[in-house]
Amino acid sequence: MSWLIGLTGSIGMGKSTTAKMFAEEGCAVWDADAAVHRLYSVGGAAVAPMQAAFPAAIVDGAVSRDTLKAEIAKDGSALRVIEGIVHPLVAEDRQGFIAGTDADIVVLDIPLLFEGSGHKMVDTTVCVSVPPEMQRERVLARGTMTEDQFEMIKAKQMPDAEKRALADHVVITDTLDHARDQVREIVTEIRKKLKNA
């Protein structure tokens, strides 16, 4: 039985980088966003049910996220339909990943860990965090969104302070070395527990 870590953090906090650090320590990492990407790709399990619900959302045999966003903007109930299709498939993908690995520690990278009560299915929760000005700087430096878009995404996410308060561990990702040291501490602590179990 693997020890399950739920890894979360708001946009620009360094979650993907931290997930890679856990992988470097020998943990198996499952990424919720990557799972959705697989499900939406050509031949993915979400394509047929999405086609039935939103025929226009299928472009070249794959689900178009942009079309889905437009559907949600047009019709508020569309999001519930989409979630009803995607959430069970993502859960199935996650369970398959956990069952298929022999790693002692499995990290589940879930952006909405606390919002979606995913924290109830893991043994330990880890939240990545940096001060707000560093978060803003990182996101805007990517050049992929405007300040308004960033504020809109942030407004939809649970505030960082709340996530930190709920988490068992907080990893401050101000520098790579600092983050790596904290990840190693968490992994060492869990492996000790596993050894004594």
N, C-alpha and C. Protein backbone atom coordinates (compact mmCIF):
# COMPACT_ATOMS: atom_id res chain seq x y z
N MET A 1 0.85 -1.20 0.00
CA MET A 1 0.00 0.00 0.00
C MET A 1 0.89 1.26 0.00
N SER A 2 0.69 2.12 -0.95
CA SER A 2 1.48 3.35 -1.03
C SER A 2 0.93 4.41 -0.07
N TRP A 3 1.82 5.29 0.36
CA TRP A 3 1.44 6.45 1.17
C TRP A 3 1.02 7.53 0.18
N LEU A 4 -0.17 8.09 0.34
CA LEU A 4 -0.67 9.08 -0.61
C LEU A 4 -0.49 10.51 -0.10
N ILE A 5 0.17 11.32 -0.93
CA ILE A 5 0.32 12.75 -0.63
C ILE A 5 -0.57 13.51 -1.60
N GLY A 6 -1.37 14.42 -1.08
CA GLY A 6 -2.14 15.34 -1.92
C GLY A 6 -1.36 16.64 -2.02
N LEU A 7 -0.94 17.00 -3.23
CA LEU A 7 -0.15 18.21 -3.44
C LEU A 7 -1.01 19.28 -4.09
N THR A 8 -1.03 20.47 -3.50
CA THR A 8 -1.85 21.54 -4.07
C THR A 8 -1.17 22.88 -3.91
N GLY A 9 -1.76 23.89 -4.50
CA GLY A 9 -1.22 25.24 -4.42
C GLY A 9 -1.86 26.08 -5.51
N SER A 10 -2.00 27.35 -5.24
CA SER A 10 -2.64 28.25 -6.21
C SER A 10 -1.73 28.49 -7.41
N ILE A 11 -2.27 29.15 -8.40
CA ILE A 11 -1.53 29.48 -9.64
C ILE A 11 -0.24 30.24 -9.31
N GLY A 12 0.85 29.84 -9.97
CA GLY A 12 2.12 30.56 -9.81
C GLY A 12 2.88 30.28 -8.53
N MET A 13 2.43 29.27 -7.76
CA MET A 13 3.08 28.99 -6.47
C MET A 13 4.24 27.99 -6.59
N GLY A 14 4.38 27.35 -7.77
CA GLY A 14 5.49 26.41 -7.95
C GLY A 14 5.13 24.96 -7.75
N LYS A 15 3.85 24.63 -7.96
CA LYS A 15 3.38 23.26 -7.73
C LYS A 15 4.03 22.24 -8.68
N SER A 16 4.10 22.58 -9.96
CA SER A 16 4.67 21.65 -10.94
C SER A 16 6.14 21.37 -10.65
N THR A 17 6.87 22.43 -10.31
CA THR A 17 8.30 22.28 -9.97
C THR A 17 8.45 21.41 -8.73
N THR A 18 7.58 21.62 -7.74
CA THR A 18 7.64 20.84 -6.50
C THR A 18 7.29 19.37 -6.78
N ALA A 19 6.32 19.14 -7.65
CA ALA A 19 5.95 17.77 -8.02
C ALA A 19 7.16 17.04 -8.62
N LYS A 20 7.92 17.76 -9.46
CA LYS A 20 9.13 17.16 -10.08
C LYS A 20 10.15 16.80 -8.99
N MET A 21 10.23 17.64 -7.96
CA MET A 21 11.18 17.37 -6.86
C MET A 21 10.79 16.09 -6.11
N PHE A 22 9.47 15.89 -5.93
CA PHE A 22 9.02 14.64 -5.29
C PHE A 22 9.39 13.45 -6.18
N ALA A 23 9.24 13.61 -7.49
CA ALA A 23 9.59 12.54 -8.42
C ALA A 23 11.08 12.21 -8.33
N GLU A 24 11.90 13.26 -8.18
CA GLU A 24 13.36 13.06 -8.05
C GLU A 24 13.71 12.28 -6.78
N GLU A 25 12.82 12.34 -5.79
CA GLU A 25 13.05 11.60 -4.54
C GLU A 25 12.48 10.19 -4.61
N GLY A 26 12.05 9.78 -5.81
CA GLY A 26 11.57 8.41 -5.99
C GLY A 26 10.08 8.22 -5.76
N CYS A 27 9.33 9.32 -5.67
CA CYS A 27 7.88 9.22 -5.52
C CYS A 27 7.23 9.11 -6.90
N ALA A 28 6.10 8.41 -6.97
CA ALA A 28 5.33 8.37 -8.22
C ALA A 28 4.41 9.58 -8.20
N VAL A 29 4.32 10.31 -9.32
CA VAL A 29 3.51 11.54 -9.35
C VAL A 29 2.40 11.42 -10.39
N TRP A 30 1.16 11.64 -9.92
CA TRP A 30 -0.01 11.66 -10.81
C TRP A 30 -0.49 13.11 -10.88
N ASP A 31 -0.73 13.59 -12.10
CA ASP A 31 -1.08 14.99 -12.31
C ASP A 31 -2.52 15.08 -12.84
N ALA A 32 -3.40 15.73 -12.08
CA ALA A 32 -4.82 15.84 -12.45
C ALA A 32 -5.00 16.54 -13.80
N ASP A 33 -4.25 17.62 -14.03
CA ASP A 33 -4.38 18.36 -15.29
C ASP A 33 -3.95 17.50 -16.48
N ALA A 34 -2.87 16.75 -16.29
CA ALA A 34 -2.40 15.87 -17.36
C ALA A 34 -3.41 14.77 -17.64
N ALA A 35 -4.10 14.30 -16.59
CA ALA A 35 -5.13 13.27 -16.76
C ALA A 35 -6.27 13.81 -17.62
N VAL A 36 -6.70 15.05 -17.34
CA VAL A 36 -7.78 15.66 -18.14
C VAL A 36 -7.32 15.80 -19.58
N HIS A 37 -6.08 16.20 -19.76
CA HIS A 37 -5.52 16.35 -21.11
C HIS A 37 -5.60 15.02 -21.87
N ARG A 38 -5.24 13.93 -21.19
CA ARG A 38 -5.31 12.58 -21.81
C ARG A 38 -6.75 12.23 -22.17
N LEU A 39 -7.67 12.52 -21.26
CA LEU A 39 -9.08 12.18 -21.46
C LEU A 39 -9.68 12.96 -22.63
N TYR A 40 -9.19 14.19 -22.85
CA TYR A 40 -9.71 15.06 -23.90
C TYR A 40 -9.06 14.81 -25.26
N SER A 41 -7.91 14.11 -25.26
CA SER A 41 -7.17 13.90 -26.50
C SER A 41 -7.88 12.88 -27.40
N VAL A 42 -7.44 12.81 -28.65
CA VAL A 42 -8.01 11.84 -29.60
C VAL A 42 -7.94 10.44 -29.00
N GLY A 43 -9.09 9.76 -28.96
CA GLY A 43 -9.15 8.42 -28.38
C GLY A 43 -9.32 8.41 -26.87
N GLY A 44 -9.35 9.59 -26.26
CA GLY A 44 -9.52 9.70 -24.80
C GLY A 44 -10.93 9.31 -24.37
N ALA A 45 -11.04 8.86 -23.12
CA ALA A 45 -12.33 8.36 -22.62
C ALA A 45 -13.42 9.42 -22.52
N ALA A 46 -13.05 10.71 -22.50
CA ALA A 46 -14.06 11.76 -22.38
C ALA A 46 -14.64 12.19 -23.73
N VAL A 47 -14.01 11.79 -24.83
CA VAL A 47 -14.41 12.30 -26.14
C VAL A 47 -15.85 11.90 -26.50
N ALA A 48 -16.18 10.61 -26.39
CA ALA A 48 -17.53 10.15 -26.77
C ALA A 48 -18.63 10.78 -25.90
N PRO A 49 -18.52 10.73 -24.56
CA PRO A 49 -19.58 11.36 -23.76
C PRO A 49 -19.69 12.87 -23.98
N MET A 50 -18.55 13.53 -24.22
CA MET A 50 -18.59 14.99 -24.49
C MET A 50 -19.28 15.26 -25.83
N GLN A 51 -19.02 14.39 -26.79
CA GLN A 51 -19.62 14.55 -28.11
C GLN A 51 -21.15 14.45 -28.01
N ALA A 52 -21.60 13.54 -27.15
CA ALA A 52 -23.05 13.37 -26.96
C ALA A 52 -23.66 14.60 -26.30
N ALA A 53 -22.94 15.19 -25.35
CA ALA A 53 -23.47 16.35 -24.62
C ALA A 53 -23.25 17.67 -25.36
N PHE A 54 -22.06 17.83 -25.96
CA PHE A 54 -21.69 19.08 -26.64
C PHE A 54 -21.04 18.75 -27.99
N PRO A 55 -21.86 18.42 -29.01
CA PRO A 55 -21.28 18.00 -30.30
C PRO A 55 -20.27 19.01 -30.87
N ALA A 56 -20.51 20.30 -30.66
CA ALA A 56 -19.62 21.33 -31.22
C ALA A 56 -18.25 21.35 -30.56
N ALA A 57 -18.15 20.72 -29.38
CA ALA A 57 -16.89 20.78 -28.62
C ALA A 57 -15.85 19.79 -29.13
N ILE A 58 -16.22 18.94 -30.09
CA ILE A 58 -15.25 17.98 -30.62
C ILE A 58 -14.65 18.54 -31.91
N VAL A 59 -13.35 18.77 -31.87
CA VAL A 59 -12.63 19.30 -33.03
C VAL A 59 -11.51 18.33 -33.38
N ASP A 60 -11.52 17.82 -34.61
CA ASP A 60 -10.51 16.85 -35.06
C ASP A 60 -10.37 15.65 -34.12
N GLY A 61 -11.52 15.19 -33.61
CA GLY A 61 -11.51 13.98 -32.79
C GLY A 61 -11.11 14.18 -31.34
N ALA A 62 -10.87 15.42 -30.94
CA ALA A 62 -10.49 15.70 -29.55
C ALA A 62 -11.45 16.76 -28.97
N VAL A 63 -11.47 16.85 -27.64
CA VAL A 63 -12.32 17.85 -26.99
C VAL A 63 -11.61 19.20 -27.01
N SER A 64 -12.31 20.23 -27.48
CA SER A 64 -11.74 21.58 -27.50
C SER A 64 -12.09 22.30 -26.20
N ARG A 65 -11.08 22.61 -25.41
CA ARG A 65 -11.31 23.32 -24.14
C ARG A 65 -11.90 24.70 -24.38
N ASP A 66 -11.47 25.36 -25.46
CA ASP A 66 -11.98 26.70 -25.77
C ASP A 66 -13.48 26.66 -26.05
N THR A 67 -13.92 25.63 -26.79
CA THR A 67 -15.35 25.50 -27.07
C THR A 67 -16.12 25.24 -25.78
N LEU A 68 -15.54 24.40 -24.90
CA LEU A 68 -16.21 24.13 -23.62
C LEU A 68 -16.33 25.40 -22.80
N LYS A 69 -15.26 26.22 -22.80
CA LYS A 69 -15.30 27.49 -22.06
C LYS A 69 -16.42 28.37 -22.59
N ALA A 70 -16.57 28.40 -23.91
CA ALA A 70 -17.63 29.20 -24.55
C ALA A 70 -19.00 28.66 -24.14
N GLU A 71 -19.15 27.34 -24.08
CA GLU A 71 -20.43 26.71 -23.67
C GLU A 71 -20.77 27.12 -22.24
N ILE A 72 -19.75 27.10 -21.36
CA ILE A 72 -19.97 27.46 -19.95
C ILE A 72 -20.39 28.92 -19.84
N ALA A 73 -19.73 29.79 -20.64
CA ALA A 73 -20.07 31.22 -20.62
C ALA A 73 -21.51 31.45 -21.09
N LYS A 74 -21.93 30.64 -22.04
CA LYS A 74 -23.26 30.77 -22.64
C LYS A 74 -24.35 30.21 -21.72
N ASP A 75 -24.02 29.09 -21.05
CA ASP A 75 -25.02 28.37 -20.27
C ASP A 75 -24.41 27.90 -18.96
N GLY A 76 -24.86 28.50 -17.88
CA GLY A 76 -24.30 28.22 -16.54
C GLY A 76 -24.38 26.76 -16.15
N SER A 77 -25.38 26.01 -16.64
CA SER A 77 -25.53 24.61 -16.23
C SER A 77 -24.56 23.69 -16.96
N ALA A 78 -23.89 24.21 -18.00
CA ALA A 78 -22.95 23.38 -18.78
C ALA A 78 -21.81 22.85 -17.91
N LEU A 79 -21.35 23.67 -16.97
CA LEU A 79 -20.22 23.27 -16.12
C LEU A 79 -20.56 22.00 -15.34
N ARG A 80 -21.79 21.95 -14.81
CA ARG A 80 -22.21 20.76 -14.03
C ARG A 80 -22.20 19.51 -14.92
N VAL A 81 -22.66 19.67 -16.16
CA VAL A 81 -22.69 18.54 -17.10
C VAL A 81 -21.26 18.07 -17.39
N ILE A 82 -20.37 19.04 -17.66
CA ILE A 82 -18.96 18.73 -17.96
C ILE A 82 -18.32 18.01 -16.77
N GLU A 83 -18.52 18.56 -15.58
CA GLU A 83 -17.94 17.95 -14.37
C GLU A 83 -18.49 16.54 -14.15
N GLY A 84 -19.78 16.36 -14.45
CA GLY A 84 -20.41 15.05 -14.31
C GLY A 84 -19.77 14.01 -15.21
N ILE A 85 -19.28 14.45 -16.36
CA ILE A 85 -18.60 13.55 -17.30
C ILE A 85 -17.15 13.34 -16.87
N VAL A 86 -16.46 14.44 -16.58
CA VAL A 86 -15.01 14.39 -16.38
C VAL A 86 -14.59 13.85 -15.01
N HIS A 87 -15.26 14.28 -13.94
CA HIS A 87 -14.81 13.88 -12.60
C HIS A 87 -14.72 12.37 -12.39
N PRO A 88 -15.75 11.59 -12.78
CA PRO A 88 -15.61 10.13 -12.60
C PRO A 88 -14.46 9.54 -13.42
N LEU A 89 -14.23 10.08 -14.62
CA LEU A 89 -13.14 9.57 -15.48
C LEU A 89 -11.78 9.90 -14.88
N VAL A 90 -11.66 11.09 -14.30
CA VAL A 90 -10.41 11.49 -13.65
C VAL A 90 -10.16 10.59 -12.43
N ALA A 91 -11.22 10.32 -11.67
CA ALA A 91 -11.09 9.46 -10.49
C ALA A 91 -10.63 8.06 -10.90
N GLU A 92 -11.18 7.57 -12.01
CA GLU A 92 -10.81 6.25 -12.54
C GLU A 92 -9.32 6.23 -12.96
N ASP A 93 -8.91 7.31 -13.63
CA ASP A 93 -7.52 7.45 -14.07
C ASP A 93 -6.58 7.43 -12.86
N ARG A 94 -6.98 8.17 -11.83
CA ARG A 94 -6.17 8.28 -10.61
C ARG A 94 -6.05 6.91 -9.92
N GLN A 95 -7.18 6.21 -9.79
CA GLN A 95 -7.17 4.90 -9.13
C GLN A 95 -6.31 3.91 -9.90
N GLY A 96 -6.40 3.99 -11.23
CA GLY A 96 -5.59 3.10 -12.09
C GLY A 96 -4.11 3.36 -11.89
N PHE A 97 -3.76 4.64 -11.74
CA PHE A 97 -2.36 5.02 -11.53
C PHE A 97 -1.86 4.48 -10.19
N ILE A 98 -2.66 4.68 -9.14
CA ILE A 98 -2.27 4.23 -7.79
C ILE A 98 -2.11 2.70 -7.78
N ALA A 99 -3.06 2.01 -8.41
CA ALA A 99 -3.03 0.54 -8.43
C ALA A 99 -1.84 0.03 -9.25
N GLY A 100 -1.42 0.81 -10.24
CA GLY A 100 -0.38 0.34 -11.15
C GLY A 100 1.04 0.68 -10.75
N THR A 101 1.23 1.34 -9.62
CA THR A 101 2.59 1.71 -9.21
C THR A 101 3.03 0.91 -7.99
N ASP A 102 4.34 0.67 -7.89
CA ASP A 102 4.83 0.02 -6.68
C ASP A 102 5.68 0.99 -5.85
N ALA A 103 5.55 2.29 -6.15
CA ALA A 103 6.28 3.30 -5.38
C ALA A 103 5.74 3.34 -3.95
N ASP A 104 6.63 3.59 -2.99
CA ASP A 104 6.18 3.65 -1.59
C ASP A 104 5.37 4.92 -1.31
N ILE A 105 5.68 5.99 -2.06
CA ILE A 105 4.95 7.25 -1.88
C ILE A 105 4.39 7.68 -3.24
N VAL A 106 3.09 7.98 -3.26
CA VAL A 106 2.44 8.47 -4.48
C VAL A 106 1.97 9.89 -4.22
N VAL A 107 2.40 10.81 -5.10
CA VAL A 107 1.99 12.21 -4.99
C VAL A 107 0.87 12.46 -5.99
N LEU A 108 -0.27 12.93 -5.49
CA LEU A 108 -1.39 13.28 -6.35
C LEU A 108 -1.42 14.80 -6.48
N ASP A 109 -1.05 15.29 -7.66
CA ASP A 109 -0.98 16.73 -7.92
C ASP A 109 -2.38 17.19 -8.32
N ILE A 110 -3.09 17.80 -7.36
CA ILE A 110 -4.50 18.18 -7.57
C ILE A 110 -4.68 19.66 -7.24
N PRO A 111 -4.86 20.52 -8.27
CA PRO A 111 -5.00 21.95 -8.00
C PRO A 111 -6.13 22.28 -7.01
N LEU A 112 -7.28 21.63 -7.16
CA LEU A 112 -8.42 21.93 -6.28
C LEU A 112 -8.57 20.85 -5.20
N LEU A 113 -7.49 20.52 -4.55
CA LEU A 113 -7.47 19.44 -3.55
C LEU A 113 -8.48 19.67 -2.42
N PHE A 114 -8.45 20.87 -1.84
CA PHE A 114 -9.34 21.16 -0.71
C PHE A 114 -10.75 21.54 -1.18
N GLU A 115 -10.82 22.25 -2.29
CA GLU A 115 -12.13 22.66 -2.81
C GLU A 115 -12.98 21.45 -3.20
N GLY A 116 -12.30 20.44 -3.75
CA GLY A 116 -13.03 19.25 -4.22
C GLY A 116 -13.00 18.10 -3.23
N SER A 117 -12.63 18.36 -2.02
CA SER A 117 -12.50 17.40 -0.91
C SER A 117 -11.63 16.18 -1.24
N GLY A 118 -10.65 16.36 -2.14
CA GLY A 118 -9.69 15.31 -2.45
C GLY A 118 -8.77 15.02 -1.26
N HIS A 119 -8.68 16.00 -0.36
CA HIS A 119 -7.82 15.83 0.83
C HIS A 119 -8.29 14.67 1.71
N LYS A 120 -9.56 14.27 1.55
CA LYS A 120 -10.10 13.19 2.40
C LYS A 120 -9.59 11.82 1.98
N MET A 121 -9.02 11.72 0.75
CA MET A 121 -8.59 10.39 0.28
C MET A 121 -7.08 10.21 0.34
N VAL A 122 -6.36 11.17 0.93
CA VAL A 122 -4.90 11.05 1.02
C VAL A 122 -4.45 10.95 2.47
N ASP A 123 -3.19 10.52 2.66
CA ASP A 123 -2.65 10.38 4.01
C ASP A 123 -2.04 11.68 4.52
N THR A 124 -1.53 12.49 3.60
CA THR A 124 -0.83 13.73 3.97
C THR A 124 -1.14 14.78 2.91
N THR A 125 -1.32 16.03 3.34
CA THR A 125 -1.53 17.11 2.36
C THR A 125 -0.35 18.08 2.40
N VAL A 126 0.05 18.52 1.21
CA VAL A 126 1.16 19.47 1.07
C VAL A 126 0.67 20.63 0.22
N CYS A 127 0.88 21.85 0.72
CA CYS A 127 0.50 23.05 -0.03
C CYS A 127 1.78 23.83 -0.36
N VAL A 128 1.94 24.21 -1.63
CA VAL A 128 3.08 25.05 -1.99
C VAL A 128 2.66 26.52 -1.92
N SER A 129 3.59 27.37 -1.52
CA SER A 129 3.21 28.77 -1.31
C SER A 129 4.41 29.70 -1.45
N VAL A 130 4.12 30.92 -1.89
CA VAL A 130 5.08 32.03 -1.87
C VAL A 130 4.29 33.29 -1.54
N PRO A 131 4.96 34.38 -1.16
CA PRO A 131 4.24 35.63 -0.89
C PRO A 131 3.49 36.10 -2.15
N PRO A 132 2.36 36.82 -1.98
CA PRO A 132 1.52 37.23 -3.10
C PRO A 132 2.26 38.01 -4.21
N GLU A 133 3.21 38.87 -3.82
CA GLU A 133 3.89 39.66 -4.85
C GLU A 133 4.78 38.77 -5.73
N MET A 134 5.35 37.72 -5.13
CA MET A 134 6.17 36.79 -5.90
C MET A 134 5.27 35.94 -6.83
N GLN A 135 4.12 35.55 -6.32
CA GLN A 135 3.14 34.80 -7.12
C GLN A 135 2.75 35.59 -8.37
N ARG A 136 2.36 36.85 -8.16
CA ARG A 136 1.95 37.73 -9.26
C ARG A 136 3.08 37.87 -10.29
N GLU A 137 4.27 38.12 -9.79
CA GLU A 137 5.45 38.31 -10.65
C GLU A 137 5.69 37.09 -11.53
N ARG A 138 5.62 35.90 -10.91
CA ARG A 138 5.85 34.65 -11.64
C ARG A 138 4.82 34.45 -12.75
N VAL A 139 3.55 34.64 -12.40
CA VAL A 139 2.48 34.39 -13.37
C VAL A 139 2.58 35.36 -14.54
N LEU A 140 2.78 36.64 -14.25
CA LEU A 140 2.82 37.64 -15.32
C LEU A 140 4.09 37.50 -16.17
N ALA A 141 5.16 36.98 -15.56
CA ALA A 141 6.42 36.79 -16.31
C ALA A 141 6.28 35.72 -17.39
N ARG A 142 5.30 34.81 -17.21
CA ARG A 142 5.08 33.75 -18.22
C ARG A 142 4.60 34.35 -19.55
N GLY A 143 3.95 35.51 -19.45
CA GLY A 143 3.45 36.17 -20.65
C GLY A 143 2.25 35.49 -21.29
N THR A 144 1.58 34.61 -20.53
CA THR A 144 0.45 33.88 -21.10
C THR A 144 -0.90 34.46 -20.67
N MET A 145 -0.89 35.39 -19.72
CA MET A 145 -2.16 36.00 -19.30
C MET A 145 -1.97 37.43 -18.81
N THR A 146 -3.08 38.16 -18.87
CA THR A 146 -3.06 39.55 -18.41
C THR A 146 -3.24 39.58 -16.90
N GLU A 147 -3.02 40.74 -16.33
CA GLU A 147 -3.22 40.91 -14.88
C GLU A 147 -4.68 40.62 -14.51
N ASP A 148 -5.62 41.06 -15.36
CA ASP A 148 -7.05 40.83 -15.10
C ASP A 148 -7.37 39.34 -15.09
N GLN A 149 -6.81 38.61 -16.05
CA GLN A 149 -7.05 37.17 -16.12
C GLN A 149 -6.49 36.47 -14.89
N PHE A 150 -5.31 36.91 -14.46
CA PHE A 150 -4.69 36.35 -13.26
C PHE A 150 -5.58 36.59 -12.05
N GLU A 151 -6.07 37.82 -11.90
CA GLU A 151 -6.94 38.17 -10.75
C GLU A 151 -8.23 37.34 -10.77
N MET A 152 -8.74 37.08 -11.98
CA MET A 152 -9.98 36.31 -12.11
C MET A 152 -9.75 34.86 -11.66
N ILE A 153 -8.64 34.27 -12.09
CA ILE A 153 -8.32 32.89 -11.70
C ILE A 153 -8.11 32.83 -10.19
N LYS A 154 -7.36 33.80 -9.68
CA LYS A 154 -7.06 33.83 -8.23
C LYS A 154 -8.35 33.92 -7.41
N ALA A 155 -9.29 34.72 -7.91
CA ALA A 155 -10.55 34.93 -7.19
C ALA A 155 -11.36 33.63 -7.10
N LYS A 156 -11.17 32.75 -8.09
CA LYS A 156 -11.93 31.48 -8.10
C LYS A 156 -11.28 30.43 -7.21
N GLN A 157 -10.01 30.62 -6.87
CA GLN A 157 -9.30 29.63 -6.07
C GLN A 157 -9.44 29.94 -4.58
N MET A 158 -9.37 28.90 -3.77
CA MET A 158 -9.38 29.11 -2.32
C MET A 158 -8.17 29.96 -1.94
N PRO A 159 -8.34 30.97 -1.07
CA PRO A 159 -7.20 31.82 -0.70
C PRO A 159 -6.03 30.98 -0.16
N ASP A 160 -4.83 31.43 -0.51
CA ASP A 160 -3.61 30.74 -0.12
C ASP A 160 -3.55 30.51 1.39
N ALA A 161 -3.93 31.51 2.17
CA ALA A 161 -3.86 31.39 3.63
C ALA A 161 -4.74 30.24 4.13
N GLU A 162 -5.91 30.07 3.51
CA GLU A 162 -6.81 28.97 3.90
C GLU A 162 -6.20 27.62 3.56
N LYS A 163 -5.61 27.53 2.36
CA LYS A 163 -4.98 26.26 1.95
C LYS A 163 -3.84 25.91 2.91
N ARG A 164 -3.03 26.92 3.24
CA ARG A 164 -1.90 26.67 4.15
C ARG A 164 -2.40 26.19 5.51
N ALA A 165 -3.50 26.78 5.98
CA ALA A 165 -4.05 26.41 7.29
C ALA A 165 -4.57 24.96 7.29
N LEU A 166 -5.09 24.51 6.15
CA LEU A 166 -5.64 23.15 6.06
C LEU A 166 -4.57 22.08 5.84
N ALA A 167 -3.43 22.48 5.26
CA ALA A 167 -2.40 21.50 4.87
C ALA A 167 -1.60 20.97 6.05
N ASP A 168 -1.14 19.72 5.91
CA ASP A 168 -0.26 19.12 6.93
C ASP A 168 1.14 19.72 6.82
N HIS A 169 1.56 20.02 5.58
CA HIS A 169 2.88 20.61 5.33
C HIS A 169 2.74 21.77 4.36
N VAL A 170 3.54 22.81 4.56
CA VAL A 170 3.60 23.92 3.60
C VAL A 170 5.02 23.98 3.07
N VAL A 171 5.16 23.96 1.75
CA VAL A 171 6.48 24.07 1.13
C VAL A 171 6.59 25.47 0.54
N ILE A 172 7.53 26.25 1.06
CA ILE A 172 7.75 27.60 0.55
C ILE A 172 8.72 27.49 -0.62
N THR A 173 8.25 27.93 -1.81
CA THR A 173 9.03 27.73 -3.03
C THR A 173 9.74 29.01 -3.49
N ASP A 174 10.24 29.79 -2.51
CA ASP A 174 10.91 31.05 -2.86
C ASP A 174 12.21 30.80 -3.64
N THR A 175 12.92 29.71 -3.29
CA THR A 175 14.09 29.32 -4.09
C THR A 175 14.02 27.81 -4.31
N LEU A 176 14.68 27.33 -5.36
CA LEU A 176 14.66 25.90 -5.67
C LEU A 176 15.29 25.09 -4.54
N ASP A 177 16.41 25.57 -4.01
CA ASP A 177 17.11 24.84 -2.94
C ASP A 177 16.25 24.73 -1.69
N HIS A 178 15.60 25.84 -1.33
CA HIS A 178 14.74 25.84 -0.14
C HIS A 178 13.60 24.84 -0.32
N ALA A 179 12.97 24.89 -1.50
CA ALA A 179 11.85 23.98 -1.78
C ALA A 179 12.31 22.52 -1.73
N ARG A 180 13.48 22.25 -2.34
CA ARG A 180 13.99 20.87 -2.39
C ARG A 180 14.28 20.34 -0.98
N ASP A 181 14.85 21.19 -0.12
CA ASP A 181 15.13 20.77 1.26
C ASP A 181 13.84 20.37 1.98
N GLN A 182 12.80 21.16 1.78
CA GLN A 182 11.52 20.87 2.46
C GLN A 182 10.89 19.58 1.93
N VAL A 183 10.98 19.38 0.61
CA VAL A 183 10.44 18.16 0.00
C VAL A 183 11.18 16.95 0.58
N ARG A 184 12.50 17.04 0.66
CA ARG A 184 13.30 15.92 1.19
C ARG A 184 12.91 15.61 2.64
N GLU A 185 12.68 16.67 3.43
CA GLU A 185 12.27 16.48 4.83
C GLU A 185 10.96 15.71 4.92
N ILE A 186 10.00 16.10 4.08
CA ILE A 186 8.68 15.45 4.09
C ILE A 186 8.82 13.98 3.70
N VAL A 187 9.57 13.72 2.63
CA VAL A 187 9.77 12.35 2.14
C VAL A 187 10.47 11.50 3.20
N THR A 188 11.49 12.06 3.83
CA THR A 188 12.23 11.34 4.88
C THR A 188 11.31 10.98 6.03
N GLU A 189 10.49 11.96 6.45
CA GLU A 189 9.56 11.76 7.56
C GLU A 189 8.55 10.64 7.24
N ILE A 190 8.02 10.66 6.01
CA ILE A 190 7.03 9.64 5.63
C ILE A 190 7.70 8.27 5.53
N ARG A 191 8.89 8.21 4.98
CA ARG A 191 9.57 6.90 4.85
C ARG A 191 9.89 6.32 6.22
N LYS A 192 10.17 7.18 7.20
CA LYS A 192 10.38 6.70 8.57
C LYS A 192 9.11 6.07 9.10
N LYS A 193 7.99 6.76 8.87
CA LYS A 193 6.69 6.25 9.32
C LYS A 193 6.39 4.91 8.65
N LEU A 194 6.68 4.81 7.36
CA LEU A 194 6.41 3.57 6.63
C LEU A 194 7.27 2.41 7.15
N LYS A 195 8.51 2.73 7.53
CA LYS A 195 9.43 1.72 8.03
C LYS A 195 8.95 1.18 9.39
N ASN A 196 8.39 2.10 10.18
CA ASN A 196 7.95 1.72 11.53
C ASN A 196 6.51 1.18 11.56
N ALA A 197 5.85 1.21 10.42
CA ALA A 197 4.45 0.79 10.39
C ALA A 197 4.31 -0.71 10.60
